[in-house]
């Protein structure tokens, strides 16, 4: 599942034609309650159609705020295949529900979910990360951050109700799934700590390696690898909130896994392989940009081959207030110290000019990459300009095209009646109706306009000719 790994290829450096923005059908929504955050797609029942999972939390925004949910759950909406009328394409309510255990204190925040086949039976299982407590200065009784694994039971077509829990001393925000040690089994790479929630000043990446038996009842080693992102434990300059995996350091002859890691503070964690037969070791290469200024904490990251026919993985990030997208390129030449390339003027794409500057209540924006306009290059879709998703068209040379004066580059994630009251959180890109065009799904939170203030997911079908 690692992105961008493979043989060498020739980079096409010249700028390409980004084409015209994609077109979209009017969005439709599904009410899911509470505060939906992370979303994922996977074919749960192996019918060939991608289903949609969303994790919702119980978090209150302020004292007395009625927008809560109980309990924390993962809701999975079945793809019905009835896309002739788009709103019939997903089940009206969740077809599968995964409930997090009561032992999880209600102020904890499940942040991220992935549908992935953990036990090698072809059916996707559920992985959920539990993040920070509502009050970061006072961890509550029963505080249980970490990773939860709910296996799918094919014979019953349901998810197990007794998850396997992998504890972490600090919260997990987002995580990625990739083979990190070359055994062809999925490992979990998790960014831990996450900015303000700092109980032990431990900015780190934790890797849960898969055990040798893919169908083991407990499929991961408990915190087998702990990588401190900053050797000097410098909280201010090396936060970890999210990460991506891919080929960020070109080298030859590395045995075993070759997936590297980059966190939102932008160091490259270069995978040294596992020649000894043990788990890989990593070398940390801190990065500096913009005349030595540190890059501010970003909310989400996506990795892909933004340079046409180039095997190296590039990175795009989305920042928080008055959001902007930033693009970073991996080195092309092999060997030496890897350095990410980033121009602090031309590799930055502000998007807030279209919707005006604002300070969102939920500061958890999302970004995804896919070919959105039927072109040959990867494009970007990013939240943060409510109620819209910004579309940046790839040029095939790690540069992107967007016009913040042109509404064609911004697609509303909300039905018209909801546009004034919604905040769009996360976004994923997936071909829901199997027409060869990539659609968008977002998770959304609502203002205090209409009790019971339930959050939603929105589906935006791509209609590009």
Protein backbone atom coordinates (compact mmCIF):
# COMPACT_ATOMS: atom_id res chain seq x y z
CA UNK A 1 0.00 0.00 0.00
CA UNK A 2 3.03 2.29 0.08
CA UNK A 3 2.75 5.04 -2.47
CA UNK A 4 5.11 5.58 -5.34
CA UNK A 5 7.42 2.57 -5.02
CA UNK A 6 8.82 0.91 -8.12
CA UNK A 7 11.50 1.07 -10.80
CA UNK A 8 13.27 4.13 -12.12
CA UNK A 9 11.67 6.35 -14.74
CA UNK A 10 12.43 9.59 -16.51
CA UNK A 11 10.99 12.72 -14.97
CA UNK A 12 9.13 15.04 -17.30
CA UNK A 13 10.09 18.43 -15.93
CA UNK A 14 8.33 20.74 -18.36
CA UNK A 15 4.97 22.17 -17.37
CA UNK A 16 1.98 20.35 -18.79
CA UNK A 17 -1.52 21.53 -19.58
CA UNK A 18 -3.64 21.13 -16.46
CA UNK A 19 -6.89 21.17 -18.45
CA UNK A 20 -10.19 22.52 -17.19
CA UNK A 21 -11.82 21.99 -13.79
CA UNK A 22 -14.03 18.93 -13.35
CA UNK A 23 -17.81 19.21 -13.15
CA UNK A 24 -19.95 17.80 -10.36
CA UNK A 25 -23.50 16.77 -9.55
CA UNK A 26 -25.27 18.47 -6.67
CA UNK A 27 -24.09 16.93 -3.38
CA UNK A 28 -26.30 14.75 -1.24
CA UNK A 29 -25.80 13.95 2.42
CA UNK A 30 -26.25 11.23 4.99
CA UNK A 31 -26.90 12.20 8.60
CA UNK A 32 -24.56 10.39 10.95
CA UNK A 33 -24.84 12.35 14.21
CA UNK A 34 -22.22 13.77 16.51
CA UNK A 35 -18.98 15.00 15.04
CA UNK A 36 -17.89 12.91 12.05
CA UNK A 37 -14.18 13.14 11.40
CA UNK A 38 -12.06 10.56 9.55
CA UNK A 39 -13.53 8.78 6.52
CA UNK A 40 -12.40 5.81 4.48
CA UNK A 41 -13.57 3.67 1.57
CA UNK A 42 -13.45 -0.11 1.15
CA UNK A 43 -15.46 -2.99 -0.27
CA UNK A 44 -16.71 -4.52 2.98
CA UNK A 45 -18.91 -7.28 1.52
CA UNK A 46 -16.81 -7.95 -1.61
CA UNK A 47 -19.56 -7.02 -4.06
CA UNK A 48 -17.18 -4.90 -6.11
CA UNK A 49 -18.55 -1.58 -4.83
CA UNK A 50 -16.70 0.74 -2.41
CA UNK A 51 -18.53 1.35 0.86
CA UNK A 52 -17.92 4.43 3.05
CA UNK A 53 -16.84 4.43 6.72
CA UNK A 54 -16.87 7.48 8.96
CA UNK A 55 -15.81 7.79 12.60
CA UNK A 56 -17.84 10.03 14.89
CA UNK A 57 -16.85 11.34 18.27
CA UNK A 58 -18.55 12.67 21.37
CA UNK A 59 -16.51 15.86 21.64
CA UNK A 60 -18.26 19.02 22.83
CA UNK A 61 -17.02 22.29 21.39
CA UNK A 62 -17.78 24.25 24.55
CA UNK A 63 -19.59 23.90 27.85
CA UNK A 64 -23.29 23.44 27.28
CA UNK A 65 -22.94 22.83 23.56
CA UNK A 66 -25.71 20.36 22.66
CA UNK A 67 -23.86 18.91 19.66
CA UNK A 68 -22.71 15.62 21.14
CA UNK A 69 -22.98 11.98 20.24
CA UNK A 70 -23.04 8.84 22.30
CA UNK A 71 -21.34 6.54 21.96
CA UNK A 72 -18.29 6.97 19.73
CA UNK A 73 -18.78 4.80 16.64
CA UNK A 74 -17.64 3.93 13.16
CA UNK A 75 -20.61 4.07 10.78
CA UNK A 76 -20.32 2.23 7.46
CA UNK A 77 -22.70 3.09 4.63
CA UNK A 78 -23.28 0.38 2.04
CA UNK A 79 -22.83 1.20 -1.62
CA UNK A 80 -26.10 0.04 -3.17
CA UNK A 81 -24.95 0.47 -6.77
CA UNK A 82 -28.17 2.38 -7.57
CA UNK A 83 -26.48 5.48 -8.92
CA UNK A 84 -29.08 6.27 -11.59
CA UNK A 85 -30.53 8.52 -8.90
CA UNK A 86 -27.33 9.54 -7.07
CA UNK A 87 -28.95 9.90 -3.66
CA UNK A 88 -29.90 6.21 -3.83
CA UNK A 89 -26.26 5.18 -4.20
CA UNK A 90 -25.59 4.83 -0.48
CA UNK A 91 -27.74 3.15 2.13
CA UNK A 92 -30.01 5.61 3.93
CA UNK A 93 -28.42 4.74 7.25
CA UNK A 94 -25.31 2.83 8.31
CA UNK A 95 -25.39 -0.79 7.15
CA UNK A 96 -22.62 -1.76 9.60
CA UNK A 97 -21.86 -0.10 12.93
CA UNK A 98 -18.73 -0.50 15.04
CA UNK A 99 -19.03 0.84 18.59
CA UNK A 100 -15.94 1.71 20.56
CA UNK A 101 -15.81 0.15 24.04
CA UNK A 102 -17.36 1.88 27.03
CA UNK A 103 -13.91 1.92 28.62
CA UNK A 104 -13.04 4.80 26.34
CA UNK A 105 -13.71 8.00 28.25
CA UNK A 106 -16.34 10.14 26.48
CA UNK A 107 -13.97 13.08 26.17
CA UNK A 108 -11.58 11.07 24.02
CA UNK A 109 -11.67 11.71 20.29
CA UNK A 110 -11.60 8.89 17.73
CA UNK A 111 -9.94 10.69 14.84
CA UNK A 112 -9.11 8.38 11.98
CA UNK A 113 -10.49 5.19 10.45
CA UNK A 114 -9.25 2.84 7.74
CA UNK A 115 -10.95 -0.10 6.07
CA UNK A 116 -8.12 -2.52 5.35
CA UNK A 117 -7.71 -6.30 5.17
CA UNK A 118 -5.60 -6.94 8.26
CA UNK A 119 -5.98 -10.73 8.59
CA UNK A 120 -5.57 -11.72 4.92
CA UNK A 121 -9.10 -13.07 4.39
CA UNK A 122 -9.83 -10.51 1.61
CA UNK A 123 -12.47 -8.74 3.73
CA UNK A 124 -11.67 -5.24 5.04
CA UNK A 125 -11.38 -4.89 8.78
CA UNK A 126 -11.69 -1.64 10.78
CA UNK A 127 -8.73 0.20 12.29
CA UNK A 128 -9.53 3.25 14.46
CA UNK A 129 -7.17 5.69 16.16
CA UNK A 130 -8.16 7.34 19.42
CA UNK A 131 -6.66 10.77 19.86
CA UNK A 132 -6.54 13.47 22.47
CA UNK A 133 -8.68 14.13 25.48
CA UNK A 134 -10.81 17.25 25.47
CA UNK A 135 -8.74 18.78 28.27
CA UNK A 136 -5.08 18.23 27.34
CA UNK A 137 -3.83 19.37 30.73
CA UNK A 138 -5.79 16.79 32.69
CA UNK A 139 -5.98 13.29 31.21
CA UNK A 140 -9.22 11.72 32.44
CA UNK A 141 -9.65 8.48 34.32
CA UNK A 142 -9.83 5.62 31.85
CA UNK A 143 -7.74 7.58 29.35
CA UNK A 144 -7.03 5.07 26.60
CA UNK A 145 -5.42 6.51 23.47
CA UNK A 146 -4.14 4.11 20.87
CA UNK A 147 -5.18 1.88 17.99
CA UNK A 148 -8.27 -0.35 17.91
CA UNK A 149 -8.70 -3.32 15.55
CA UNK A 150 -12.18 -4.69 14.79
CA UNK A 151 -12.05 -7.81 12.63
CA UNK A 152 -14.77 -8.58 10.08
CA UNK A 153 -16.53 -11.94 10.48
CA UNK A 154 -17.41 -13.13 6.94
CA UNK A 155 -19.74 -15.92 8.03
CA UNK A 156 -21.92 -13.45 9.91
CA UNK A 157 -21.23 -10.40 7.71
CA UNK A 158 -20.65 -8.28 10.82
CA UNK A 159 -17.71 -6.75 12.64
CA UNK A 160 -16.53 -8.20 15.94
CA UNK A 161 -17.63 -6.34 19.04
CA UNK A 162 -14.47 -7.18 21.01
CA UNK A 163 -11.64 -5.11 19.49
CA UNK A 164 -7.95 -5.70 20.03
CA UNK A 165 -6.51 -2.62 21.70
CA UNK A 166 -2.94 -1.37 21.20
CA UNK A 167 -2.11 1.25 23.80
CA UNK A 168 0.00 4.33 23.24
CA UNK A 169 1.18 6.67 25.97
CA UNK A 170 0.18 9.69 23.88
CA UNK A 171 -2.69 10.28 21.44
CA UNK A 172 -2.76 9.05 17.86
CA UNK A 173 -4.03 11.46 15.28
CA UNK A 174 -3.89 10.12 11.74
CA UNK A 175 -2.17 6.93 10.69
CA UNK A 176 -1.17 5.22 7.44
CA UNK A 177 -1.13 1.56 6.45
CA UNK A 178 1.82 0.22 4.46
CA UNK A 179 4.28 -2.68 4.33
CA UNK A 180 7.27 -1.21 6.14
CA UNK A 181 9.49 -4.30 6.41
CA UNK A 182 8.99 -6.23 3.16
CA UNK A 183 6.93 -9.13 4.52
CA UNK A 184 3.91 -8.29 2.31
CA UNK A 185 1.74 -7.68 5.39
CA UNK A 186 0.13 -4.37 6.38
CA UNK A 187 1.82 -2.39 9.14
CA UNK A 188 0.40 0.74 10.80
CA UNK A 189 2.42 3.97 10.92
CA UNK A 190 0.95 6.41 13.45
CA UNK A 191 1.82 10.01 14.25
CA UNK A 192 1.53 10.51 18.01
CA UNK A 193 1.25 13.50 20.33
CA UNK A 194 -0.51 15.91 18.02
CA UNK A 195 0.30 19.49 18.94
CA UNK A 196 -1.31 20.78 22.15
CA UNK A 197 -2.05 17.38 23.66
CA UNK A 198 1.34 16.98 25.26
CA UNK A 199 1.35 14.71 28.28
CA UNK A 200 4.93 13.50 27.94
CA UNK A 201 6.51 15.84 25.36
CA UNK A 202 6.98 12.86 23.09
CA UNK A 203 6.70 13.85 19.44
CA UNK A 204 7.05 10.52 17.74
CA UNK A 205 6.05 8.03 15.09
CA UNK A 206 4.96 4.60 16.25
CA UNK A 207 4.94 1.60 13.94
CA UNK A 208 2.75 -1.38 14.73
CA UNK A 209 4.37 -4.20 12.76
CA UNK A 210 2.23 -7.10 11.66
CA UNK A 211 3.02 -10.46 13.26
CA UNK A 212 4.14 -13.34 11.05
CA UNK A 213 0.75 -15.06 11.16
CA UNK A 214 -1.68 -12.82 9.25
CA UNK A 215 -4.68 -14.45 10.93
CA UNK A 216 -3.43 -14.14 14.49
CA UNK A 217 -6.04 -12.95 16.97
CA UNK A 218 -3.76 -10.03 17.83
CA UNK A 219 -2.26 -9.17 14.43
CA UNK A 220 0.19 -6.43 15.44
CA UNK A 221 3.18 -6.27 17.73
CA UNK A 222 2.40 -3.80 20.54
CA UNK A 223 4.41 -0.63 19.87
CA UNK A 224 7.27 -2.58 18.37
CA UNK A 225 8.93 0.57 17.03
CA UNK A 226 9.01 4.04 18.57
CA UNK A 227 10.74 6.72 16.50
CA UNK A 228 11.32 10.05 18.22
CA UNK A 229 11.01 12.55 15.40
CA UNK A 230 13.31 15.11 16.99
CA UNK A 231 16.41 13.74 18.75
CA UNK A 232 16.50 16.94 20.83
CA UNK A 233 12.87 16.50 21.90
CA UNK A 234 12.11 20.01 20.62
CA UNK A 235 8.35 20.31 20.97
CA UNK A 236 8.12 23.73 19.33
CA UNK A 237 9.93 22.79 16.12
CA UNK A 238 9.03 19.16 15.67
CA UNK A 239 5.33 18.52 16.31
CA UNK A 240 3.70 15.40 14.95
CA UNK A 241 0.05 15.39 14.01
CA UNK A 242 -0.03 13.35 10.82
CA UNK A 243 2.29 11.56 8.42
CA UNK A 244 2.58 10.00 4.98
CA UNK A 245 4.56 7.05 3.66
CA UNK A 246 6.25 6.63 0.29
CA UNK A 247 9.55 6.74 -1.59
CA UNK A 248 11.16 9.94 -0.28
CA UNK A 249 14.84 8.88 -0.40
CA UNK A 250 16.04 7.20 -3.58
CA UNK A 251 18.53 4.45 -2.86
CA UNK A 252 19.35 1.11 -4.41
CA UNK A 253 19.75 -2.32 -2.87
CA UNK A 254 17.82 -1.71 0.33
CA UNK A 255 16.65 -5.14 1.54
CA UNK A 256 13.13 -5.60 2.78
CA UNK A 257 10.80 -2.67 3.15
CA UNK A 258 11.55 0.56 1.32
CA UNK A 259 8.72 2.80 2.51
CA UNK A 260 9.96 6.00 4.12
CA UNK A 261 7.96 8.34 6.38
CA UNK A 262 7.45 12.10 6.43
CA UNK A 263 5.56 13.81 9.26
CA UNK A 264 3.87 17.20 9.24
CA UNK A 265 6.99 18.82 10.68
CA UNK A 266 8.58 17.59 7.45
CA UNK A 267 11.58 15.46 8.49
CA UNK A 268 12.30 12.47 6.26
CA UNK A 269 12.45 9.21 8.23
CA UNK A 270 14.50 7.14 5.80
CA UNK A 271 13.93 3.38 5.90
CA UNK A 272 17.27 1.53 6.18
CA UNK A 273 15.73 -1.88 5.51
CA UNK A 274 15.92 -5.03 7.58
CA UNK A 275 19.05 -6.85 6.44
CA UNK A 276 19.49 -8.38 9.90
CA UNK A 277 16.10 -10.04 9.71
CA UNK A 278 14.75 -7.70 12.37
CA UNK A 279 12.51 -4.69 11.92
CA UNK A 280 13.93 -1.81 9.89
CA UNK A 281 15.87 1.05 11.38
CA UNK A 282 15.29 4.63 10.26
CA UNK A 283 17.56 7.62 9.84
CA UNK A 284 15.94 10.99 10.56
CA UNK A 285 16.76 13.88 8.24
CA UNK A 286 15.26 17.18 9.51
CA UNK A 287 14.31 19.70 6.83
CA UNK A 288 14.29 23.50 6.81
CA UNK A 289 12.48 25.79 4.40
CA UNK A 290 11.97 29.50 3.77
CA UNK A 291 15.34 30.81 4.96
CA UNK A 292 15.39 28.46 7.91
CA UNK A 293 11.89 29.25 9.13
CA UNK A 294 9.98 26.24 10.35
CA UNK A 295 6.84 25.16 8.53
CA UNK A 296 3.74 25.66 10.66
CA UNK A 297 1.78 22.64 11.80
CA UNK A 298 -0.34 21.26 8.99
CA UNK A 299 -3.63 19.48 9.41
CA UNK A 300 -3.39 16.79 6.79
CA UNK A 301 -0.99 15.46 4.19
CA UNK A 302 -1.29 13.45 1.00
CA UNK A 303 1.48 11.77 -0.99
CA UNK A 304 1.60 10.93 -4.68
CA UNK A 305 3.57 11.10 -7.90
CA UNK A 306 2.90 14.75 -8.76
CA UNK A 307 5.68 14.68 -11.40
CA UNK A 308 4.60 12.70 -14.44
CA UNK A 309 6.43 9.36 -14.81
CA UNK A 310 8.58 10.05 -11.75
CA UNK A 311 8.79 7.25 -9.18
CA UNK A 312 9.59 9.54 -6.27
CA UNK A 313 6.74 10.46 -3.95
CA UNK A 314 5.86 14.12 -3.52
CA UNK A 315 3.78 15.65 -0.72
CA UNK A 316 0.95 18.16 -0.46
CA UNK A 317 -0.24 19.54 2.89
CA UNK A 318 -3.20 21.62 4.05
CA UNK A 319 -2.72 24.18 6.83
CA UNK A 320 -5.23 25.39 9.39
CA UNK A 321 -6.63 28.91 9.76
CA UNK A 322 -6.88 30.78 6.44
CA UNK A 323 -5.79 27.55 4.80
CA UNK A 324 -3.24 27.09 2.10
CA UNK A 325 -1.84 24.09 0.27
CA UNK A 326 1.91 23.56 0.26
CA UNK A 327 3.78 21.20 -2.08
CA UNK A 328 7.11 19.47 -1.38
CA UNK A 329 9.17 17.42 -3.84
CA UNK A 330 11.34 14.43 -2.98
CA UNK A 331 14.92 14.33 -4.30
CA UNK A 332 15.46 12.79 -7.73
CA UNK A 333 19.14 11.87 -7.43
CA UNK A 334 20.11 8.71 -5.55
CA UNK A 335 22.19 8.64 -2.40
CA UNK A 336 23.38 11.33 -0.06
CA UNK A 337 21.28 13.30 2.39
CA UNK A 338 17.70 13.56 1.16
CA UNK A 339 16.36 17.11 0.89
CA UNK A 340 12.76 18.01 0.15
CA UNK A 341 12.40 20.81 -2.39
CA UNK A 342 9.90 23.59 -1.63
CA UNK A 343 9.64 27.11 -3.00
CA UNK A 344 8.08 29.29 -0.31
CA UNK A 345 6.33 31.45 -2.92
CA UNK A 346 5.44 29.32 -5.94
CA UNK A 347 4.73 26.06 -4.05
CA UNK A 348 2.12 27.69 -1.80
CA UNK A 349 -1.53 27.91 -2.88
CA UNK A 350 -3.84 29.97 -0.62
CA UNK A 351 -7.49 29.00 -0.97
CA UNK A 352 -9.23 31.21 1.60
CA UNK A 353 -9.55 34.16 -0.81
CA UNK A 354 -12.58 32.50 -2.38
CA UNK A 355 -14.52 32.08 0.87
CA UNK A 356 -12.99 34.88 2.92
CA UNK A 357 -10.73 34.69 5.94
CA UNK A 358 -12.25 32.97 8.93
CA UNK A 359 -11.39 30.91 11.97
CA UNK A 360 -13.20 27.59 11.81
CA UNK A 361 -14.47 25.90 14.93
CA UNK A 362 -13.19 22.50 13.80
CA UNK A 363 -9.56 22.88 12.75
CA UNK A 364 -9.18 19.49 11.13
CA UNK A 365 -8.99 20.07 7.40
CA UNK A 366 -8.33 17.32 4.87
CA UNK A 367 -6.57 16.85 1.54
CA UNK A 368 -6.61 14.06 -1.05
CA UNK A 369 -5.10 13.46 -4.49
CA UNK A 370 -6.56 11.78 -7.57
CA UNK A 371 -7.09 12.40 -11.29
CA UNK A 372 -10.25 14.48 -11.02
CA UNK A 373 -10.68 16.06 -14.45
CA UNK A 374 -10.06 12.97 -16.61
CA UNK A 375 -6.52 14.17 -17.28
CA UNK A 376 -3.20 12.37 -16.96
CA UNK A 377 -1.91 14.06 -13.82
CA UNK A 378 -2.80 13.94 -10.16
CA UNK A 379 -4.99 16.77 -8.89
CA UNK A 380 -5.69 17.87 -5.31
CA UNK A 381 -8.94 18.25 -3.38
CA UNK A 382 -8.76 20.16 -0.08
CA UNK A 383 -11.21 21.32 2.57
CA UNK A 384 -10.85 24.46 4.69
CA UNK A 385 -12.83 26.95 2.58
CA UNK A 386 -16.31 26.19 3.92
CA UNK A 387 -18.63 25.00 2.56
CA UNK A 388 -16.43 24.19 -0.42
CA UNK A 389 -13.81 21.70 -1.49
CA UNK A 390 -11.02 23.43 -3.39
CA UNK A 391 -9.79 21.73 -6.57
CA UNK A 392 -6.17 22.22 -7.67
CA UNK A 393 -5.40 20.85 -11.13
CA UNK A 394 -2.06 19.11 -11.52
CA UNK A 395 0.30 20.10 -14.32
CA UNK A 396 2.41 16.96 -14.20
CA UNK A 397 5.49 18.77 -12.86
CA UNK A 398 4.46 19.13 -9.17
CA UNK A 399 2.87 22.51 -9.93
CA UNK A 400 -0.86 23.10 -9.64
CA UNK A 401 -3.45 25.40 -11.15
CA UNK A 402 -6.20 27.16 -9.21
CA UNK A 403 -8.01 30.46 -9.70
CA UNK A 404 -9.58 31.73 -6.47
CA UNK A 405 -11.71 34.12 -8.56
CA UNK A 406 -13.26 31.25 -10.51
CA UNK A 407 -16.04 29.25 -8.84
CA UNK A 408 -15.27 26.29 -11.13
CA UNK A 409 -12.32 25.47 -8.85
CA UNK A 410 -14.57 25.22 -5.77
CA UNK A 411 -17.31 22.63 -5.39
CA UNK A 412 -19.82 22.93 -2.57
CA UNK A 413 -19.91 19.91 -0.30
CA UNK A 414 -23.30 20.86 1.10
CA UNK A 415 -26.86 21.03 -0.19
CA UNK A 416 -27.78 24.68 -0.73
CA UNK A 417 -29.96 24.90 2.40
CA UNK A 418 -27.02 23.86 4.59
CA UNK A 419 -24.23 25.96 3.13
CA UNK A 420 -24.37 28.72 5.76
CA UNK A 421 -24.24 26.36 8.72
CA UNK A 422 -21.69 23.69 7.87
CA UNK A 423 -17.97 23.15 8.27
CA UNK A 424 -16.34 20.61 5.98
CA UNK A 425 -13.73 18.52 7.79
CA UNK A 426 -12.17 15.61 5.89
CA UNK A 427 -12.27 14.57 2.22
CA UNK A 428 -11.50 11.36 0.36
CA UNK A 429 -11.45 10.64 -3.38
CA UNK A 430 -13.01 7.39 -4.64
CA UNK A 431 -14.92 6.17 -7.71
CA UNK A 432 -18.21 5.31 -6.06
CA UNK A 433 -20.31 4.54 -9.13
CA UNK A 434 -17.53 2.77 -11.08
CA UNK A 435 -17.79 5.07 -14.10
CA UNK A 436 -14.05 5.72 -14.21
CA UNK A 437 -14.41 9.19 -12.69
CA UNK A 438 -13.22 9.99 -9.19
CA UNK A 439 -15.89 11.25 -6.79
CA UNK A 440 -15.52 13.03 -3.45
CA UNK A 441 -16.85 12.24 0.02
CA UNK A 442 -16.57 14.69 2.92
CA UNK A 443 -17.33 14.68 6.65
CA UNK A 444 -19.15 17.77 7.92
CA UNK A 445 -20.07 19.52 11.16
CA UNK A 446 -23.02 21.83 11.68
CA UNK A 447 -23.61 25.17 13.33
CA UNK A 448 -26.37 25.62 15.91
CA UNK A 449 -29.08 26.14 13.33
CA UNK A 450 -31.21 23.05 13.43
CA UNK A 451 -31.49 20.63 16.38
CA UNK A 452 -30.31 17.95 16.87
CA UNK A 453 -27.23 19.45 15.18
CA UNK A 454 -26.22 16.17 13.59
CA UNK A 455 -23.07 15.93 11.53
CA UNK A 456 -23.18 14.46 8.05
CA UNK A 457 -21.17 12.99 5.25
CA UNK A 458 -21.61 14.43 1.75
CA UNK A 459 -21.21 12.65 -1.57
CA UNK A 460 -20.23 14.67 -4.65
CA UNK A 461 -20.43 12.69 -7.90
CA UNK A 462 -18.00 13.61 -10.69
CA UNK A 463 -19.81 14.36 -13.96
CA UNK A 464 -16.80 15.46 -16.05
CA UNK A 465 -17.41 14.52 -19.72
